Protein backbone atom coordinates (compact mmCIF):
# COMPACT_ATOMS: atom_id res chain seq x y z
CA MET A 1 44.87 48.89 -3.23
CA GLY A 2 47.91 48.01 -5.35
CA PRO A 3 48.55 44.71 -7.15
CA GLN A 4 49.58 41.84 -4.93
CA SER A 5 52.10 39.13 -5.60
CA THR A 6 50.70 35.64 -5.97
CA PRO A 7 51.61 33.52 -2.94
CA ASP A 8 53.44 30.26 -3.51
CA LEU A 9 51.00 27.45 -2.70
CA SER A 10 53.19 24.74 -4.19
CA THR A 11 54.52 23.50 -0.85
CA GLN A 12 51.12 22.13 0.14
CA ALA A 13 50.79 20.22 -3.12
CA SER A 14 53.85 18.05 -2.60
CA SER A 15 53.76 17.32 1.12
CA PRO A 16 51.36 15.46 3.41
CA SER A 17 51.25 18.85 5.08
CA LEU A 18 48.32 21.00 6.03
CA SER A 19 49.37 19.68 9.41
CA THR A 20 47.67 22.49 11.36
CA VAL A 21 44.02 23.14 10.54
CA ALA A 22 41.76 25.77 12.05
CA ILE A 23 38.01 25.13 12.19
CA VAL A 24 35.87 28.26 12.48
CA GLY A 25 32.45 27.37 13.87
CA LEU A 26 32.09 24.54 16.37
CA GLY A 27 28.56 23.36 15.72
CA THR A 28 27.77 19.76 14.82
CA MET A 29 29.63 19.87 11.51
CA GLY A 30 32.65 21.79 12.79
CA THR A 31 33.00 19.42 15.74
CA GLY A 32 32.70 16.40 13.45
CA ILE A 33 35.41 17.71 11.12
CA ALA A 34 37.63 18.43 14.13
CA GLU A 35 37.24 14.81 15.27
CA VAL A 36 38.23 13.49 11.83
CA LEU A 37 41.32 15.72 11.72
CA THR A 38 42.57 15.08 15.25
CA ARG A 39 42.20 11.32 14.87
CA ALA A 40 44.21 11.56 11.63
CA GLY A 41 47.12 13.25 13.44
CA ARG A 42 46.43 16.90 12.56
CA GLU A 43 46.75 19.75 15.01
CA VAL A 44 43.31 21.36 15.19
CA ILE A 45 42.52 24.88 16.30
CA GLY A 46 38.81 25.15 17.08
CA ILE A 47 37.44 28.68 16.98
CA ASP A 48 33.98 29.80 18.06
CA THR A 49 32.93 33.11 19.58
CA ASP A 50 30.54 31.18 21.83
CA GLU A 51 32.51 29.63 24.70
CA THR A 52 29.64 27.23 25.37
CA ALA A 53 29.93 25.87 21.82
CA ALA A 54 33.66 25.38 22.32
CA ARG A 55 33.08 23.47 25.55
CA ARG A 56 30.44 21.32 23.87
CA ALA A 57 32.90 20.54 21.08
CA VAL A 58 35.53 19.37 23.57
CA SER A 59 32.96 17.22 25.40
CA ALA A 60 31.73 15.74 22.14
CA LEU A 61 35.28 14.85 21.09
CA GLU A 62 35.95 13.28 24.48
CA ALA A 63 32.77 11.20 24.23
CA ALA A 64 33.38 10.14 20.61
CA THR A 65 36.96 9.05 21.25
CA ALA A 66 35.88 7.21 24.42
CA ARG A 67 33.37 5.22 22.33
CA ALA A 68 36.14 4.49 19.81
CA VAL A 69 38.31 3.06 22.63
CA GLN A 70 35.39 0.90 23.84
CA ARG A 71 34.97 -0.45 20.31
CA GLU A 72 38.74 -1.06 20.09
CA ARG A 73 39.16 1.37 17.19
CA LEU A 74 41.56 3.50 19.24
CA THR A 75 43.91 2.78 22.11
CA GLU A 76 43.68 4.95 25.21
CA ARG A 77 47.07 6.43 24.36
CA GLU A 78 45.88 7.35 20.85
CA ARG A 79 42.78 8.87 22.36
CA GLN A 80 44.78 11.07 24.72
CA ASP A 81 47.06 12.15 21.87
CA ALA A 82 44.06 13.08 19.73
CA LEU A 83 42.48 15.12 22.54
CA ALA A 84 45.79 16.92 23.09
CA ARG A 85 45.82 17.97 19.44
CA PHE A 86 42.51 19.85 19.82
CA ARG A 87 42.60 23.34 21.29
CA THR A 88 39.73 25.83 21.34
CA PHE A 89 39.72 29.63 21.16
CA THR A 90 37.17 32.43 20.84
CA ASP A 91 39.27 34.73 18.62
CA LEU A 92 40.13 34.33 14.94
CA GLN A 93 43.66 35.48 15.77
CA ALA A 94 44.26 31.86 16.86
CA ALA A 95 44.25 30.85 13.16
CA ALA A 96 47.50 32.75 12.52
CA ASP A 97 49.63 29.58 12.32
CA ALA A 98 47.16 27.39 10.43
CA ASP A 99 48.04 25.83 7.07
CA LEU A 100 44.35 25.48 6.26
CA VAL A 101 41.28 27.20 7.68
CA ILE A 102 37.82 25.65 7.22
CA GLU A 103 34.87 27.86 8.09
CA VAL A 104 31.57 26.16 8.95
CA VAL A 105 29.61 29.09 10.37
CA PRO A 106 25.85 29.40 9.58
CA GLU A 107 24.77 29.71 5.90
CA ASP A 108 24.72 33.51 5.78
CA TYR A 109 26.81 35.17 3.09
CA GLU A 110 27.57 38.36 5.01
CA LEU A 111 28.70 36.38 8.06
CA LYS A 112 30.99 34.20 5.95
CA ARG A 113 32.36 37.22 4.06
CA GLN A 114 33.18 38.87 7.37
CA VAL A 115 34.98 35.75 8.62
CA PHE A 116 37.07 35.62 5.42
CA ALA A 117 37.89 39.35 5.66
CA GLU A 118 39.16 38.92 9.22
CA LEU A 119 41.11 35.79 8.27
CA ASP A 120 42.79 37.72 5.42
CA ALA A 121 44.34 39.98 8.02
CA VAL A 122 45.46 37.12 10.28
CA VAL A 123 46.75 34.14 8.30
CA ARG A 124 49.92 33.63 6.28
CA PRO A 125 49.89 34.42 2.54
CA ASP A 126 50.13 30.70 1.70
CA THR A 127 47.34 29.56 4.04
CA ILE A 128 44.41 27.97 2.21
CA LEU A 129 40.97 29.29 3.16
CA ALA A 130 38.06 26.87 2.72
CA THR A 131 34.35 27.39 3.12
CA GLY A 132 32.08 24.56 4.16
CA THR A 133 29.06 26.04 2.38
CA ASN A 134 26.84 23.88 0.20
CA ALA A 135 24.57 26.68 -1.02
CA LEU A 136 26.45 29.98 -1.21
CA SER A 137 28.82 31.08 -3.97
CA VAL A 138 32.44 30.02 -3.40
CA THR A 139 33.40 32.30 -6.29
CA ARG A 140 31.82 35.33 -4.66
CA LEU A 141 33.56 34.62 -1.35
CA ALA A 142 36.85 34.23 -3.21
CA ALA A 143 36.37 37.44 -5.19
CA ASP A 144 35.73 39.37 -1.97
CA SER A 145 38.90 37.92 -0.42
CA GLN A 146 42.32 39.57 -0.68
CA ARG A 147 43.80 36.39 -2.18
CA PRO A 148 41.08 34.65 -4.20
CA GLU A 149 43.46 32.02 -5.57
CA ARG A 150 43.75 30.39 -2.16
CA VAL A 151 39.98 30.18 -1.51
CA LEU A 152 37.99 27.01 -2.24
CA GLY A 153 35.13 24.96 -0.86
CA VAL A 154 35.46 21.77 1.14
CA HIS A 155 32.07 20.19 1.73
CA PHE A 156 31.95 17.40 4.33
CA PHE A 157 28.74 15.47 4.94
CA ASN A 158 27.01 14.97 8.26
CA PRO A 159 28.06 13.10 10.38
CA ALA A 160 31.58 13.96 9.21
CA PRO A 161 33.36 11.08 11.02
CA ALA A 162 31.13 8.49 9.30
CA MET A 163 30.45 9.94 5.85
CA LYS A 164 33.15 9.19 3.28
CA LEU A 165 32.38 11.86 0.69
CA VAL A 166 34.13 15.24 0.53
CA GLU A 167 33.38 17.62 -2.32
CA VAL A 168 36.39 19.83 -3.11
CA VAL A 169 35.00 22.92 -4.81
CA SER A 170 37.11 25.23 -6.94
CA SER A 171 36.08 28.56 -8.42
CA VAL A 172 37.53 29.99 -11.63
CA LEU A 173 39.93 31.88 -9.35
CA THR A 174 41.25 28.94 -7.31
CA ALA A 175 44.89 27.88 -7.75
CA PRO A 176 45.16 24.19 -8.81
CA THR A 177 47.83 23.66 -6.15
CA ALA A 178 45.32 24.56 -3.44
CA VAL A 179 42.85 22.01 -4.82
CA THR A 180 45.59 19.36 -4.94
CA ALA A 181 46.63 20.03 -1.35
CA VAL A 182 43.10 19.77 0.03
CA THR A 183 42.35 16.69 -2.09
CA GLU A 184 45.46 14.96 -0.72
CA LEU A 185 44.40 15.89 2.80
CA ALA A 186 40.97 14.35 2.22
CA HIS A 187 42.64 11.13 1.04
CA ASP A 188 44.86 11.17 4.14
CA LEU A 189 41.71 11.46 6.28
CA GLY A 190 40.35 8.27 4.70
CA LYS A 191 37.73 10.17 2.70
CA ASP A 192 36.72 9.93 -0.94
CA PRO A 193 37.10 13.41 -2.45
CA ILE A 194 35.57 14.48 -5.74
CA ALA A 195 36.51 17.70 -7.50
CA VAL A 196 33.58 19.89 -8.56
CA GLY A 197 32.93 23.37 -9.82
CA ASP A 198 31.06 26.14 -8.06
CA ARG A 199 27.30 25.88 -8.25
CA PRO A 200 24.66 25.71 -5.47
CA GLY A 201 24.40 22.26 -3.92
CA PHE A 202 27.40 20.96 -5.89
CA VAL A 203 26.76 17.32 -6.91
CA ALA A 204 25.19 15.48 -3.98
CA ASP A 205 23.03 18.23 -2.53
CA GLY A 206 22.31 19.59 -6.00
CA LEU A 207 20.51 16.31 -6.75
CA LEU A 208 19.29 15.56 -3.24
CA PHE A 209 17.55 18.86 -2.48
CA GLY A 210 15.52 18.89 -5.68
CA TYR A 211 14.16 15.46 -4.70
CA LEU A 212 13.48 16.61 -1.12
CA ASN A 213 11.66 19.67 -2.43
CA GLN A 214 9.42 17.54 -4.66
CA ALA A 215 8.59 15.30 -1.68
CA ALA A 216 7.64 18.36 0.42
CA ALA A 217 5.41 19.61 -2.40
CA MET A 218 3.81 16.15 -2.72
CA TYR A 219 2.99 16.18 0.99
CA GLU A 220 1.76 19.77 0.86
CA SER A 221 -0.68 18.88 -1.94
CA LYS A 222 -2.13 16.15 0.32
CA TYR A 223 -1.40 13.59 -2.38
CA ALA A 224 0.01 11.18 0.22
CA THR A 225 0.69 11.19 3.94
CA ARG A 226 4.16 11.92 5.30
CA GLU A 227 4.40 8.32 6.57
CA ASP A 228 3.49 6.86 3.16
CA ILE A 229 5.89 9.15 1.27
CA ASP A 230 8.76 8.21 3.57
CA ALA A 231 7.92 4.49 3.59
CA ALA A 232 7.60 4.46 -0.21
CA MET A 233 11.08 5.88 -0.78
CA LYS A 234 12.73 3.67 1.84
CA LEU A 235 11.09 0.44 0.72
CA GLY A 236 10.84 1.24 -2.99
CA CYS A 237 14.35 2.67 -3.45
CA GLY A 238 16.30 1.22 -0.52
CA LEU A 239 17.05 4.65 0.93
CA PRO A 240 18.19 4.89 4.56
CA MET A 241 15.64 7.62 5.36
CA GLY A 242 12.47 8.96 3.84
CA PRO A 243 12.64 12.48 2.36
CA LEU A 244 10.48 14.24 4.97
CA ALA A 245 12.32 12.66 7.90
CA LEU A 246 15.58 13.67 6.18
CA LEU A 247 14.36 17.27 5.81
CA ASP A 248 13.70 17.29 9.56
CA LEU A 249 17.23 15.99 10.19
CA ILE A 250 18.90 18.51 7.86
CA GLY A 251 16.75 21.38 9.11
CA VAL A 252 13.78 22.78 7.18
CA ASP A 253 15.33 26.26 7.27
CA THR A 254 18.65 24.96 5.92
CA ALA A 255 16.88 23.13 3.09
CA ARG A 256 14.97 26.25 2.17
CA THR A 257 18.22 28.28 2.05
CA VAL A 258 19.89 25.72 -0.23
CA LEU A 259 16.86 25.58 -2.54
CA GLU A 260 16.64 29.37 -2.76
CA ALA A 261 20.27 29.46 -3.91
CA MET A 262 19.68 26.63 -6.40
CA TYR A 263 16.58 28.33 -7.83
CA ALA A 264 18.36 31.68 -8.13
CA GLU A 265 20.89 30.03 -10.44
CA SER A 266 18.79 27.46 -12.31
CA GLN A 267 15.37 29.16 -12.47
CA ASP A 268 14.08 25.57 -12.55
CA ARG A 269 10.67 25.38 -10.88
CA LEU A 270 11.66 22.04 -9.38
CA HIS A 271 14.14 24.02 -7.22
CA ALA A 272 11.67 26.73 -6.17
CA PRO A 273 11.17 25.96 -2.46
CA ALA A 274 7.80 24.37 -1.73
CA PRO A 275 5.73 26.94 0.20
CA ILE A 276 5.40 24.58 3.17
CA LEU A 277 9.17 24.83 3.75
CA GLY A 278 8.83 28.57 4.24
CA GLN A 279 5.75 28.20 6.42
CA LEU A 280 7.42 25.69 8.73
CA ALA A 281 10.63 27.74 8.88
CA GLU A 282 8.77 30.98 9.68
CA ALA A 283 6.87 29.18 12.43
CA GLY A 284 10.12 27.92 13.97
CA LEU A 285 9.23 24.30 13.13
CA THR A 286 12.63 23.58 11.64
CA GLY A 287 12.81 19.84 12.30
CA ARG A 288 14.57 17.72 14.90
CA LYS A 289 16.57 20.62 16.32
CA ALA A 290 13.31 22.39 17.20
CA GLY A 291 11.45 19.28 18.30
CA ARG A 292 8.96 19.64 15.47
CA GLY A 293 8.99 19.88 11.68
CA PHE A 294 7.20 17.51 9.36
CA TYR A 295 7.09 15.17 12.36
CA THR A 296 6.92 15.82 16.11
CA TYR A 297 9.79 14.68 18.35
CA ASP A 298 9.85 13.99 22.07
CA ALA A 299 12.33 16.84 22.67
CA PRO A 300 14.39 19.34 20.67
CA GLY A 301 17.38 17.50 19.20
CA SER A 302 15.80 14.09 19.70
CA ALA A 303 15.44 11.52 16.93
CA THR A 304 12.41 9.88 18.59
CA ILE A 305 9.18 10.61 16.72
CA VAL A 306 6.04 10.84 18.87
CA PRO A 307 2.40 10.70 17.76
CA ASP A 308 0.68 13.94 16.86
CA ALA A 309 -2.54 15.07 15.22
CA GLU A 310 -1.40 13.76 11.82
CA SER A 311 -0.32 10.33 12.98
CA PRO A 312 -2.39 7.55 11.37
CA ALA A 313 -4.88 5.91 13.68
CA ALA A 314 -4.36 2.24 14.39
CA ALA A 315 -7.19 0.82 12.29
CA ASP A 316 -8.27 -2.74 11.58
CA GLU A 317 -7.06 -3.27 8.00
CA LEU A 318 -9.66 -6.01 7.47
CA ALA A 319 -12.66 -3.86 8.38
CA GLY A 320 -15.12 -3.43 5.56
CA GLY A 321 -13.20 -5.48 3.00
CA ARG A 322 -14.27 -8.30 0.70
CA THR A 323 -13.22 -11.92 1.22
CA VAL A 324 -10.38 -13.13 -1.01
CA SER A 325 -9.33 -16.78 -1.21
CA GLY A 326 -8.48 -17.14 -4.89
CA VAL A 327 -6.24 -14.83 -6.92
CA GLY A 328 -5.73 -14.64 -10.66
CA VAL A 329 -2.46 -13.24 -12.07
CA ALA A 330 -2.39 -12.34 -15.76
CA GLY A 331 0.98 -12.32 -17.52
CA SER A 332 4.00 -14.53 -18.11
CA GLY A 333 6.94 -12.22 -17.40
CA THR A 334 9.15 -11.78 -14.36
CA MET A 335 6.71 -9.47 -12.60
CA ALA A 336 3.72 -11.78 -13.15
CA SER A 337 5.56 -14.87 -11.89
CA GLY A 338 6.95 -12.90 -8.93
CA ILE A 339 3.48 -11.67 -7.89
CA ALA A 340 2.02 -15.18 -8.27
CA GLU A 341 4.82 -16.48 -6.02
CA VAL A 342 4.02 -13.85 -3.39
CA PHE A 343 0.34 -14.85 -3.27
CA ALA A 344 1.03 -18.59 -3.32
CA LYS A 345 3.50 -18.34 -0.40
CA ALA A 346 0.83 -16.48 1.60
CA GLY A 347 -1.64 -19.36 1.19
CA TYR A 348 -3.82 -18.09 -1.64
CA LYS A 349 -4.97 -20.35 -4.48
CA VAL A 350 -3.43 -18.78 -7.58
CA VAL A 351 -4.39 -19.06 -11.23
CA LEU A 352 -1.49 -17.90 -13.44
CA ALA A 353 -2.84 -17.13 -16.91
CA ALA A 354 -0.83 -16.30 -20.01
CA ARG A 355 -1.54 -16.10 -23.75
CA SER A 356 -0.84 -19.80 -24.01
CA LEU A 357 -0.64 -22.70 -21.59
CA GLU A 358 3.01 -23.19 -22.58
CA LYS A 359 3.87 -19.64 -21.52
CA ALA A 360 1.99 -20.07 -18.26
CA GLU A 361 3.84 -23.30 -17.50
CA LYS A 362 7.18 -21.59 -18.19
CA ALA A 363 6.20 -18.86 -15.74
CA LYS A 364 5.35 -21.53 -13.13
CA ALA A 365 8.75 -23.15 -13.76
CA ARG A 366 10.32 -19.76 -12.99
CA ILE A 367 8.43 -19.74 -9.69
CA ALA A 368 9.72 -23.25 -8.93
CA LYS A 369 13.32 -22.10 -9.46
CA SER A 370 12.80 -19.06 -7.22
CA LEU A 371 11.24 -21.16 -4.45
CA GLY A 372 14.08 -23.66 -4.81
CA ARG A 373 16.63 -20.89 -4.22
CA SER A 374 14.71 -19.90 -1.07
CA VAL A 375 14.95 -23.48 0.21
CA ASP A 376 18.68 -23.61 -0.60
CA LYS A 377 19.22 -20.40 1.38
CA GLY A 378 17.24 -21.72 4.36
CA ARG A 379 14.45 -19.16 3.98
CA MET A 380 11.70 -21.76 3.63
CA THR A 381 11.24 -25.47 4.08
CA ALA A 382 10.87 -27.95 1.26
CA GLU A 383 7.31 -28.64 2.49
CA ALA A 384 6.42 -24.93 2.28
CA ARG A 385 7.91 -24.80 -1.23
CA ASP A 386 5.84 -27.77 -2.36
CA ALA A 387 2.66 -26.28 -0.87
CA ALA A 388 3.25 -22.92 -2.57
CA LEU A 389 3.98 -24.52 -5.92
CA ALA A 390 0.90 -26.73 -5.65
CA ALA A 391 -1.21 -23.60 -5.07
CA VAL A 392 -0.31 -22.26 -8.55
CA THR A 393 -2.42 -23.43 -11.48
CA PRO A 394 -1.19 -22.42 -14.96
CA ALA A 395 -3.80 -21.53 -17.57
CA GLY A 396 -3.76 -20.49 -21.22
CA SER A 397 -6.81 -18.26 -21.02
CA LEU A 398 -8.34 -15.60 -18.76
CA ASP A 399 -11.48 -17.76 -18.67
CA ALA A 400 -9.73 -19.54 -15.77
CA PHE A 401 -10.36 -16.42 -13.62
CA ALA A 402 -14.08 -17.19 -13.36
CA ASP A 403 -13.95 -18.03 -9.65
CA VAL A 404 -11.19 -15.69 -8.32
CA GLU A 405 -11.99 -12.85 -5.93
CA LEU A 406 -8.95 -10.78 -6.97
CA ALA A 407 -7.53 -10.52 -10.50
CA VAL A 408 -4.12 -8.82 -10.91
CA GLU A 409 -2.76 -7.99 -14.36
CA ALA A 410 0.98 -7.77 -14.99
CA VAL A 411 1.15 -7.55 -18.77
CA ALA A 412 2.99 -5.12 -21.06
CA GLU A 413 3.00 -1.43 -20.10
CA ASP A 414 0.77 -0.49 -23.02
CA LEU A 415 -2.58 1.17 -22.37
CA ALA A 416 -4.38 -0.41 -25.32
CA VAL A 417 -3.18 -3.88 -24.27
CA LYS A 418 -4.26 -3.33 -20.67
CA GLN A 419 -7.67 -1.92 -21.65
CA GLU A 420 -8.39 -4.94 -23.83
CA LEU A 421 -7.40 -7.23 -20.96
CA PHE A 422 -9.71 -5.37 -18.54
CA ARG A 423 -12.60 -5.69 -21.00
CA THR A 424 -11.99 -9.44 -20.92
CA LEU A 425 -11.75 -9.52 -17.10
CA ASP A 426 -15.05 -7.67 -16.94
CA LYS A 427 -16.68 -10.50 -18.86
CA VAL A 428 -15.04 -13.51 -17.15
CA CYS A 429 -14.69 -12.45 -13.49
CA LYS A 430 -17.65 -12.94 -11.17
CA PRO A 431 -19.54 -9.96 -9.70
CA GLY A 432 -17.70 -8.45 -6.70
CA ALA A 433 -14.24 -9.56 -7.83
CA VAL A 434 -11.54 -6.89 -7.37
CA LEU A 435 -9.67 -6.06 -10.58
CA ALA A 436 -6.15 -4.67 -10.12
CA THR A 437 -3.49 -3.31 -12.46
CA THR A 438 0.23 -3.29 -11.68
CA THR A 439 0.92 -0.33 -13.98
CA SER A 440 3.71 1.99 -12.89
CA SER A 441 2.94 4.88 -15.22
CA LEU A 442 -0.43 4.56 -16.95
CA PRO A 443 -3.72 6.00 -15.61
CA VAL A 444 -5.58 3.38 -13.57
CA VAL A 445 -8.89 5.07 -14.32
CA ALA A 446 -8.37 4.42 -18.05
CA CYS A 447 -8.26 0.69 -17.24
CA ALA A 448 -11.31 1.06 -15.00
CA ARG A 449 -13.36 2.78 -17.71
CA ALA A 450 -12.77 -0.19 -20.01
CA THR A 451 -15.06 -2.19 -17.67
CA SER A 452 -18.71 -1.93 -16.67
CA ARG A 453 -17.64 -1.88 -12.99
CA PRO A 454 -15.02 0.85 -12.52
CA GLN A 455 -15.73 0.87 -8.77
CA ASP A 456 -14.04 -2.55 -8.55
CA VAL A 457 -10.80 -1.45 -10.23
CA ILE A 458 -7.68 -0.35 -8.32
CA GLY A 459 -3.91 -0.12 -8.80
CA MET A 460 -1.53 -2.49 -7.01
CA HIS A 461 1.95 -1.41 -8.05
CA PHE A 462 4.39 -4.10 -6.95
CA PHE A 463 8.14 -3.48 -7.26
CA ASN A 464 10.62 -5.79 -8.98
CA PRO A 465 11.59 -8.40 -7.79
CA ALA A 466 8.13 -8.80 -6.22
CA PRO A 467 9.09 -11.59 -3.77
CA ALA A 468 11.85 -9.43 -2.24
CA MET A 469 10.47 -5.89 -2.42
CA LYS A 470 8.19 -5.00 0.49
CA LEU A 471 6.35 -2.04 -1.06
CA VAL A 472 3.00 -1.95 -2.85
CA GLU A 473 1.59 1.38 -4.01
CA VAL A 474 -2.21 1.13 -3.65
CA VAL A 475 -3.71 3.47 -6.24
CA ARG A 476 -7.32 4.59 -5.88
CA THR A 477 -9.12 6.28 -8.72
CA VAL A 478 -11.96 8.74 -8.15
CA LEU A 479 -14.30 5.81 -8.87
CA THR A 480 -12.75 3.10 -6.63
CA ALA A 481 -15.11 1.80 -3.94
CA ASP A 482 -14.06 2.04 -0.28
CA ASP A 483 -14.44 -1.70 0.31
CA VAL A 484 -12.19 -2.43 -2.70
CA HIS A 485 -9.51 -0.23 -1.16
CA ALA A 486 -9.95 -1.95 2.22
CA THR A 487 -9.74 -5.37 0.54
CA VAL A 488 -6.44 -4.61 -1.16
CA ARG A 489 -4.94 -3.15 2.04
CA ALA A 490 -5.91 -6.35 3.87
CA VAL A 491 -4.45 -8.54 1.11
CA CYS A 492 -1.17 -6.58 1.27
CA ALA A 493 -0.99 -7.26 5.01
CA LYS A 494 -1.59 -10.98 4.45
CA VAL A 495 1.17 -11.23 1.80
CA ARG A 496 3.47 -9.27 4.15
CA LYS A 497 3.82 -6.21 1.96
CA HIS A 498 3.73 -2.58 3.10
CA PRO A 499 0.91 -0.71 1.35
CA VAL A 500 1.08 3.03 0.75
CA ASP A 501 -1.95 4.94 -0.50
CA CYS A 502 -1.74 7.32 -3.41
CA GLY A 503 -3.98 8.88 -6.00
CA ASP A 504 -4.18 8.05 -9.69
CA ARG A 505 -1.59 10.38 -11.19
CA ALA A 506 1.62 9.85 -13.15
CA GLY A 507 4.46 8.20 -11.26
CA PHE A 508 2.45 7.65 -8.08
CA ILE A 509 4.90 8.27 -5.19
CA VAL A 510 8.16 6.48 -6.02
CA ASN A 511 8.57 7.14 -9.72
CA ALA A 512 7.30 10.72 -9.41
CA LEU A 513 10.15 11.43 -6.98
CA LEU A 514 12.80 9.09 -8.39
CA PHE A 515 12.82 9.91 -12.09
CA PRO A 516 13.17 13.71 -11.90
CA TYR A 517 16.22 13.05 -9.70
CA LEU A 518 17.63 10.65 -12.32
CA ASN A 519 16.88 13.15 -15.09
CA ASN A 520 18.71 15.90 -13.20
CA ALA A 521 21.74 13.63 -12.82
CA ILE A 522 21.82 13.17 -16.61
CA LYS A 523 21.62 16.95 -17.05
CA MET A 524 24.72 17.35 -14.84
CA VAL A 525 26.64 15.12 -17.25
CA GLU A 526 25.21 16.95 -20.27
CA GLU A 527 26.43 20.23 -18.81
CA HIS A 528 29.90 18.73 -18.22
CA TYR A 529 29.61 19.60 -14.54
CA ALA A 530 30.62 16.17 -13.23
CA SER A 531 31.43 12.69 -14.52
CA LEU A 532 29.25 9.58 -14.29
CA ASP A 533 31.62 8.07 -11.73
CA ASP A 534 31.76 11.17 -9.56
CA ILE A 535 27.98 11.56 -9.54
CA ASP A 536 27.42 7.89 -8.71
CA ALA A 537 30.04 8.07 -5.95
CA ALA A 538 28.57 11.29 -4.56
CA MET A 539 25.07 9.85 -4.21
CA LYS A 540 26.24 6.58 -2.69
CA LEU A 541 28.76 8.10 -0.31
CA GLY A 542 27.03 11.41 0.42
CA GLY A 543 23.38 10.43 0.15
CA GLY A 544 23.41 6.82 1.31
CA TYR A 545 21.85 5.60 -1.94
CA PRO A 546 22.33 1.86 -2.61
CA MET A 547 23.11 2.64 -6.27
CA GLY A 548 24.30 5.73 -8.08
CA PRO A 549 21.84 7.27 -10.57
CA PHE A 550 23.67 5.97 -13.65
CA GLU A 551 24.03 2.47 -12.23
CA LEU A 552 20.29 2.52 -11.56
CA LEU A 553 19.37 3.91 -14.99
CA ASP A 554 21.32 1.14 -16.71
CA VAL A 555 19.60 -1.50 -14.55
CA VAL A 556 16.08 -0.10 -15.03
CA GLY A 557 16.63 0.37 -18.76
CA LEU A 558 17.04 3.68 -20.52
CA ASP A 559 13.96 3.06 -22.68
CA VAL A 560 11.82 2.40 -19.59
CA SER A 561 13.28 5.47 -17.89
CA LEU A 562 12.58 7.66 -20.93
CA ALA A 563 8.99 6.41 -21.13
CA ILE A 564 8.37 7.29 -17.47
CA GLU A 565 10.00 10.71 -17.90
CA LYS A 566 7.72 11.40 -20.87
CA VAL A 567 4.63 10.43 -18.89
CA LEU A 568 5.63 12.70 -15.98
CA HIS A 569 6.36 15.61 -18.32
CA ALA A 570 3.08 15.14 -20.21
CA GLU A 571 1.02 15.09 -17.01
CA PHE A 572 2.66 17.84 -14.97
CA ARG A 573 3.79 20.06 -17.90
CA ASP A 574 6.78 21.29 -15.92
CA PRO A 575 9.74 22.24 -18.17
CA GLY A 576 12.12 20.84 -15.54
CA LEU A 577 10.63 17.38 -16.13
CA ALA A 578 11.40 17.35 -19.86
CA PRO A 579 13.53 14.27 -20.59
CA SER A 580 17.22 15.00 -21.04
CA PRO A 581 18.28 15.05 -24.71
CA LEU A 582 21.20 12.79 -23.83
CA LEU A 583 18.76 10.13 -22.56
CA GLU A 584 16.72 10.43 -25.77
CA HIS A 585 19.86 10.14 -27.93
CA LEU A 586 21.07 7.00 -26.14
CA VAL A 587 17.68 5.33 -26.50
CA ALA A 588 17.52 6.26 -30.20
CA ALA A 589 20.97 4.66 -30.62
CA GLY A 590 19.76 1.42 -29.01
CA CYS A 591 21.91 1.91 -25.91
CA LEU A 592 19.31 0.79 -23.37
CA GLY A 593 21.50 -0.26 -20.43
CA ARG A 594 22.63 -3.63 -19.18
CA LYS A 595 20.10 -5.54 -21.26
CA THR A 596 21.78 -4.37 -24.49
CA GLY A 597 25.35 -4.36 -23.15
CA ARG A 598 25.61 -0.58 -23.32
CA GLY A 599 23.82 2.34 -21.72
CA PHE A 600 25.63 5.07 -19.85
CA ARG A 601 28.39 2.48 -19.40
CA GLU A 602 29.44 -0.58 -21.37
CA TYR A 603 28.93 -4.09 -19.99
CA ALA A 604 30.46 -7.43 -20.87
CA ARG A 605 28.06 -9.47 -22.95
CA ARG A 606 27.12 -12.81 -21.45
């Protein structure tokens, strides 16, 4: 085959063009993209070899636009115009007049290569060819095409009409003018495009699927139940869905394909698909679309989860527990005062002990301010505020815990400090009192062994701010007594927190899943793959995260984040968990996040 002239793609770069777009593959994603394009005034050629799929796409578009009219987001005339702009065909020849072709056929390289080969013979020399893949190599598809400079990736997120993110993926072969044209189109569609290079998963899925894989492995190891893993990540991180429910939505088989591609490139064990993903996929239990995956659904395609053999039995949380009327909280910081507030509002008598009475009184004053804000916002009455505040007794010594049935420590995250405190609790607390640590990263059993009654020691990991956050990780050691566990579960119910059970290992549920994800985001920046802003935008817009990873790191504190990363790496010994050098360098430079005015970003000093 002789050398070919380079087609002129410059016309797309300067016009609002790409006015006619062909979509190859009319599944859920293809249909969603078609809706976005038709409603934005583009002529859309829908192509699928399955006539049934084409009919479903037309029906879906009719139903979606009808809902938009009902919600007054479209007029009936606009709806009819949009429907008229969508035509379906079963032959790729229909793409001959398209300015842009987007293929969204199943994630199979040979199938996509074949589609591109046929399109090469059909479309104009200046037509841009885009793949919707999020796992396969855009570069390889381009190299196998007759005109690699016009091939790129355009990765929409599901559901395409609602999700704002579009990743525009260029290979080393892609013409910049093609990237510009597709980026301008994305802006015209009301989307937020980010430009990325070619690697499996790109930005959003590259970070998301590693996290999902770790959650699957955590479930497979029977460390925590599927319900507790999902509840922990929703309540502890503010995510819209738990990881196992999300895997069911995405498709277990799809997730496995993406992870295989990621592992092939990275050789990072964190990307090696958890065996359970393969087992479920081989068994046809691919998630919602099959009616069963990690959860069981009432029908294939349904979002309604129904009970199955793994569903937790409705048990009386109070059964077998110890009676708790008085609670001691040790510490004077934000977490200690927040936990004391939680117990006081629930009707417990609370002793708040610090290293001095002055510190304890300052902590109580912090509680008073917090309760006052709740009254101002109409969340509680002045009478309830006064009753809660009266329930808190400040003390300058742990000796004041002599009569409490539950003692909760919230002091510095230092094992030696906590062990000394537990030795003191062992001496001052009455027999049968439950002793709890709020540690987020240290071994609970090491605190327990500092006492003569390790069976009474348990972890109660509250999240900051304790009055607002609903989650408590309940951490049993191998020595914790059953009635101590039952007591803490019952207390969580009374203070209106959601308890999740987990074993005594680094990170528990939330931090063990959250911090490897944050570490991988830092590595993306280290490798110059994407910018802080693009990564934060990708995870908020594409993953539904309330904060981007770098926003979150700066809020948590880079020193705190590094300490947790080190604990995870030391316990699990996985090279992929080794803290990013960039994180270590920033901490060494004193750039710890918002609290120092500079972390990954700079902040105005107050």
